[in-house]
Amino acid sequence: MRFFLVALMLLTSTGCTNLIRPNFTPELIKLRAGDYQLDPMHSYLLFKIEHLGLSKIVGRFNTVNATLDFDPKQIQKMQLNAIVSADSIDVNNTDLESTLQEPDWFDTARFPQITFNSESVKLTATEDLEITGTLSMRGISKVITLQAKFNGGADNLITRKYTIGFSATATIKRSDFGIDAFSALVGDTVELEAHGEFLKQ
């Protein structure tokens, strides 16, 4: 009886997976072209920064919106635009989150949004992407490059939308954007990591 129940659970789980992504493909060229919107329920923007040289503070921004104009046959024309609500910063410490919104840090009262707008895209030999664009924060704009990849795509019968998975990393210096408080205690280099699902419109 126990074996029957386990087998039934496995079959049910497999069936659900097939319903969610019956035509899953990891191949970039087979992904569907179109306009995409980031799924806020499945998007994560993380950052890591050294603290005292002993460990890393790990945080995230909880409110991120992004659009993607994408054609795998003309990848160099891809357009990625993102808007992050600076006051949605989350470091699992409400006092620190309040401090980070003050003028010495993100100054969210004056600069409520962080934006990224891509300008060029290069496809590497391993089918990863180098997405170069302008990151704007605290009224300062700098050109950065994202190391990115598409993880695959599939029809999702729960949302009834074709969905592609996307991830990216980048490294920036906070001092480049006028955030240089407590430089003896907190590192200057910030590691960014983004994961998300985009829904075809």
Protein backbone atom coordinates (compact mmCIF):
# COMPACT_ATOMS: atom_id res chain seq x y z
CA MET A 1 0.00 0.00 0.00
CA ARG A 2 2.78 2.39 0.92
CA PHE A 3 4.59 1.64 -2.35
CA PHE A 4 1.36 2.37 -4.28
CA LEU A 5 0.98 5.76 -2.58
CA VAL A 6 4.58 6.74 -3.30
CA ALA A 7 4.23 5.69 -6.94
CA LEU A 8 1.00 7.68 -7.25
CA MET A 9 2.68 10.78 -5.83
CA LEU A 10 5.57 10.48 -8.27
CA LEU A 11 3.25 10.06 -11.22
CA THR A 12 1.15 13.01 -10.13
CA SER A 13 4.24 15.16 -9.67
CA THR A 14 5.55 14.22 -13.11
CA GLY A 15 2.18 14.93 -14.67
CA CYS A 16 2.02 18.38 -13.07
CA THR A 17 5.51 19.18 -14.32
CA ASN A 18 4.55 18.20 -17.84
CA LEU A 19 1.46 20.40 -17.66
CA ILE A 20 3.54 23.37 -16.57
CA ARG A 21 6.31 23.00 -19.13
CA PRO A 22 5.28 20.47 -21.82
CA ASN A 23 7.53 22.01 -24.48
CA PHE A 24 10.50 23.12 -22.38
CA THR A 25 13.61 23.97 -24.37
CA PRO A 26 17.00 25.11 -23.06
CA GLU A 27 18.16 26.16 -26.54
CA LEU A 28 18.46 29.91 -27.01
CA ILE A 29 17.65 29.88 -30.73
CA LYS A 30 14.37 28.03 -30.07
CA LEU A 31 13.02 30.57 -27.57
CA ARG A 32 10.10 32.63 -28.83
CA ALA A 33 10.59 36.20 -29.95
CA GLY A 34 8.35 38.92 -28.56
CA ASP A 35 7.77 41.48 -25.85
CA TYR A 36 8.10 40.15 -22.30
CA GLN A 37 7.20 41.42 -18.84
CA LEU A 38 8.98 40.34 -15.68
CA ASP A 39 6.89 38.10 -13.42
CA PRO A 40 7.14 39.84 -10.01
CA MET A 41 6.25 36.63 -8.20
CA HIS A 42 9.33 34.92 -9.62
CA SER A 43 11.97 37.66 -9.70
CA TYR A 44 14.88 38.25 -7.34
CA LEU A 45 17.51 40.99 -7.28
CA LEU A 46 20.22 40.23 -4.73
CA PHE A 47 23.35 42.07 -3.64
CA LYS A 48 26.40 41.10 -1.59
CA ILE A 49 28.95 43.42 0.04
CA GLU A 50 31.84 42.80 2.43
CA HIS A 51 31.44 43.72 6.08
CA LEU A 52 34.62 44.27 8.16
CA GLY A 53 36.43 41.96 5.75
CA LEU A 54 35.00 39.08 7.75
CA SER A 55 31.74 38.23 6.01
CA LYS A 56 29.25 39.56 3.50
CA ILE A 57 25.99 41.37 3.96
CA VAL A 58 23.43 39.77 1.67
CA GLY A 59 20.28 41.67 0.76
CA ARG A 60 17.67 42.08 -1.93
CA PHE A 61 15.27 44.55 -3.46
CA ASN A 62 11.69 43.36 -3.21
CA THR A 63 10.12 45.56 -5.90
CA VAL A 64 11.52 45.15 -9.39
CA ASN A 65 9.84 45.74 -12.75
CA ALA A 66 11.41 44.93 -16.09
CA THR A 67 10.57 44.57 -19.76
CA LEU A 68 12.36 42.56 -22.41
CA ASP A 69 12.14 42.93 -26.19
CA PHE A 70 13.72 39.76 -27.48
CA ASP A 71 14.37 37.87 -30.71
CA PRO A 72 16.86 34.98 -30.49
CA LYS A 73 17.66 35.38 -34.21
CA GLN A 74 18.62 39.02 -33.69
CA ILE A 75 20.05 38.88 -30.20
CA GLN A 76 22.13 42.03 -30.71
CA LYS A 77 18.89 44.03 -30.91
CA MET A 78 17.57 42.77 -27.57
CA GLN A 79 16.35 45.50 -25.22
CA LEU A 80 16.20 45.09 -21.44
CA ASN A 81 14.82 47.84 -19.21
CA ALA A 82 14.46 47.56 -15.44
CA ILE A 83 13.17 49.78 -12.65
CA VAL A 84 13.92 49.02 -9.00
CA SER A 85 12.21 50.72 -6.07
CA ALA A 86 15.13 51.76 -3.87
CA ASP A 87 12.99 51.81 -0.72
CA SER A 88 12.18 48.12 -1.16
CA ILE A 89 15.66 47.20 0.08
CA ASP A 90 15.56 44.18 2.40
CA VAL A 91 18.46 43.10 4.62
CA ASN A 92 16.39 41.31 7.26
CA ASN A 93 16.96 44.21 9.69
CA THR A 94 14.40 47.02 9.78
CA ASP A 95 16.74 49.50 11.52
CA LEU A 96 19.45 48.99 8.92
CA GLU A 97 16.91 49.21 6.11
CA SER A 98 15.82 52.62 7.42
CA THR A 99 19.45 53.76 7.63
CA LEU A 100 20.11 52.68 4.05
CA GLN A 101 17.35 54.99 2.84
CA GLU A 102 19.01 58.06 4.38
CA PRO A 103 20.97 60.70 2.37
CA ASP A 104 24.39 59.09 3.04
CA TRP A 105 23.19 55.91 1.40
CA PHE A 106 20.43 55.48 -1.23
CA ASP A 107 18.70 58.79 -0.39
CA THR A 108 15.39 57.30 -1.43
CA ALA A 109 13.41 60.48 -0.72
CA ARG A 110 15.25 62.25 -3.56
CA PHE A 111 16.04 59.23 -5.73
CA PRO A 112 13.25 56.64 -5.35
CA GLN A 113 14.23 54.56 -8.39
CA ILE A 114 17.24 52.67 -9.65
CA THR A 115 17.13 51.99 -13.39
CA PHE A 116 18.99 49.91 -15.95
CA ASN A 117 18.61 50.35 -19.72
CA SER A 118 20.53 48.11 -22.07
CA GLU A 119 22.42 49.58 -25.02
CA SER A 120 24.21 46.64 -26.62
CA VAL A 121 24.19 42.86 -26.39
CA LYS A 122 26.93 40.42 -27.33
CA LEU A 123 26.46 36.66 -27.63
CA THR A 124 29.45 34.66 -26.40
CA ALA A 125 30.73 31.35 -27.74
CA THR A 126 28.95 29.55 -24.90
CA GLU A 127 25.63 31.29 -25.70
CA ASP A 128 25.88 33.48 -22.63
CA LEU A 129 25.13 37.17 -23.06
CA GLU A 130 27.12 40.29 -22.28
CA ILE A 131 24.53 43.02 -21.84
CA THR A 132 26.02 46.51 -21.66
CA GLY A 133 23.83 49.37 -20.50
CA THR A 134 23.40 52.35 -18.22
CA LEU A 135 22.76 51.90 -14.51
CA SER A 136 21.34 55.03 -12.85
CA MET A 137 21.27 55.43 -9.07
CA ARG A 138 21.22 58.51 -6.82
CA GLY A 139 21.19 60.75 -9.91
CA ILE A 140 24.44 59.24 -11.23
CA SER A 141 24.63 57.11 -14.37
CA LYS A 142 27.38 54.62 -15.18
CA VAL A 143 27.85 52.06 -17.94
CA ILE A 144 28.02 48.49 -16.64
CA THR A 145 27.99 45.03 -18.21
CA LEU A 146 25.76 42.17 -17.10
CA GLN A 147 26.94 38.60 -17.56
CA ALA A 148 23.64 36.94 -18.40
CA LYS A 149 21.99 33.84 -19.79
CA PHE A 150 18.60 32.48 -20.72
CA ASN A 151 17.85 29.28 -18.82
CA GLY A 152 15.14 28.05 -21.17
CA GLY A 153 11.50 28.57 -22.03
CA ALA A 154 8.15 26.79 -21.90
CA ASP A 155 4.41 27.25 -22.01
CA ASN A 156 3.15 27.61 -18.47
CA LEU A 157 -0.43 26.37 -18.29
CA ILE A 158 -0.86 27.92 -14.83
CA THR A 159 -0.31 31.47 -16.08
CA ARG A 160 -1.29 30.58 -19.66
CA LYS A 161 1.72 32.49 -20.88
CA TYR A 162 4.93 31.42 -22.58
CA THR A 163 7.72 31.97 -20.04
CA ILE A 164 11.49 32.27 -20.28
CA GLY A 165 13.98 32.07 -17.42
CA PHE A 166 16.77 34.62 -17.14
CA SER A 167 19.72 35.17 -14.80
CA ALA A 168 22.48 37.77 -14.65
CA THR A 169 25.40 38.94 -12.54
CA ALA A 170 27.45 42.13 -12.38
CA THR A 171 29.95 43.87 -10.14
CA ILE A 172 29.85 47.59 -9.36
CA LYS A 173 31.51 50.01 -6.94
CA ARG A 174 29.15 51.85 -4.61
CA SER A 175 31.50 54.84 -4.50
CA ASP A 176 30.89 55.36 -8.24
CA PHE A 177 27.33 56.30 -7.30
CA GLY A 178 28.21 58.58 -4.40
CA ILE A 179 27.66 55.93 -1.71
CA ASP A 180 30.92 55.98 0.23
CA ALA A 181 29.85 56.09 3.89
CA PHE A 182 31.69 53.86 6.39
CA SER A 183 34.28 52.86 3.81
CA ALA A 184 36.54 51.46 6.55
CA LEU A 185 33.83 49.04 7.64
CA VAL A 186 31.84 48.25 4.52
CA GLY A 187 33.40 47.20 1.22
CA ASP A 188 33.23 49.25 -1.95
CA THR A 189 32.63 46.35 -4.35
CA VAL A 190 29.02 45.21 -4.68
CA GLU A 191 28.09 41.90 -6.30
CA LEU A 192 24.72 41.93 -8.05
CA GLU A 193 22.75 38.80 -8.89
CA ALA A 194 19.41 38.71 -10.68
CA HIS A 195 17.06 35.79 -11.37
CA GLY A 196 13.70 36.08 -13.02
CA GLU A 197 10.98 34.71 -15.24
CA PHE A 198 9.64 36.78 -18.10
CA LEU A 199 6.10 36.33 -19.42
CA LYS A 200 5.41 36.78 -23.12
CA GLN A 201 2.79 39.49 -23.68
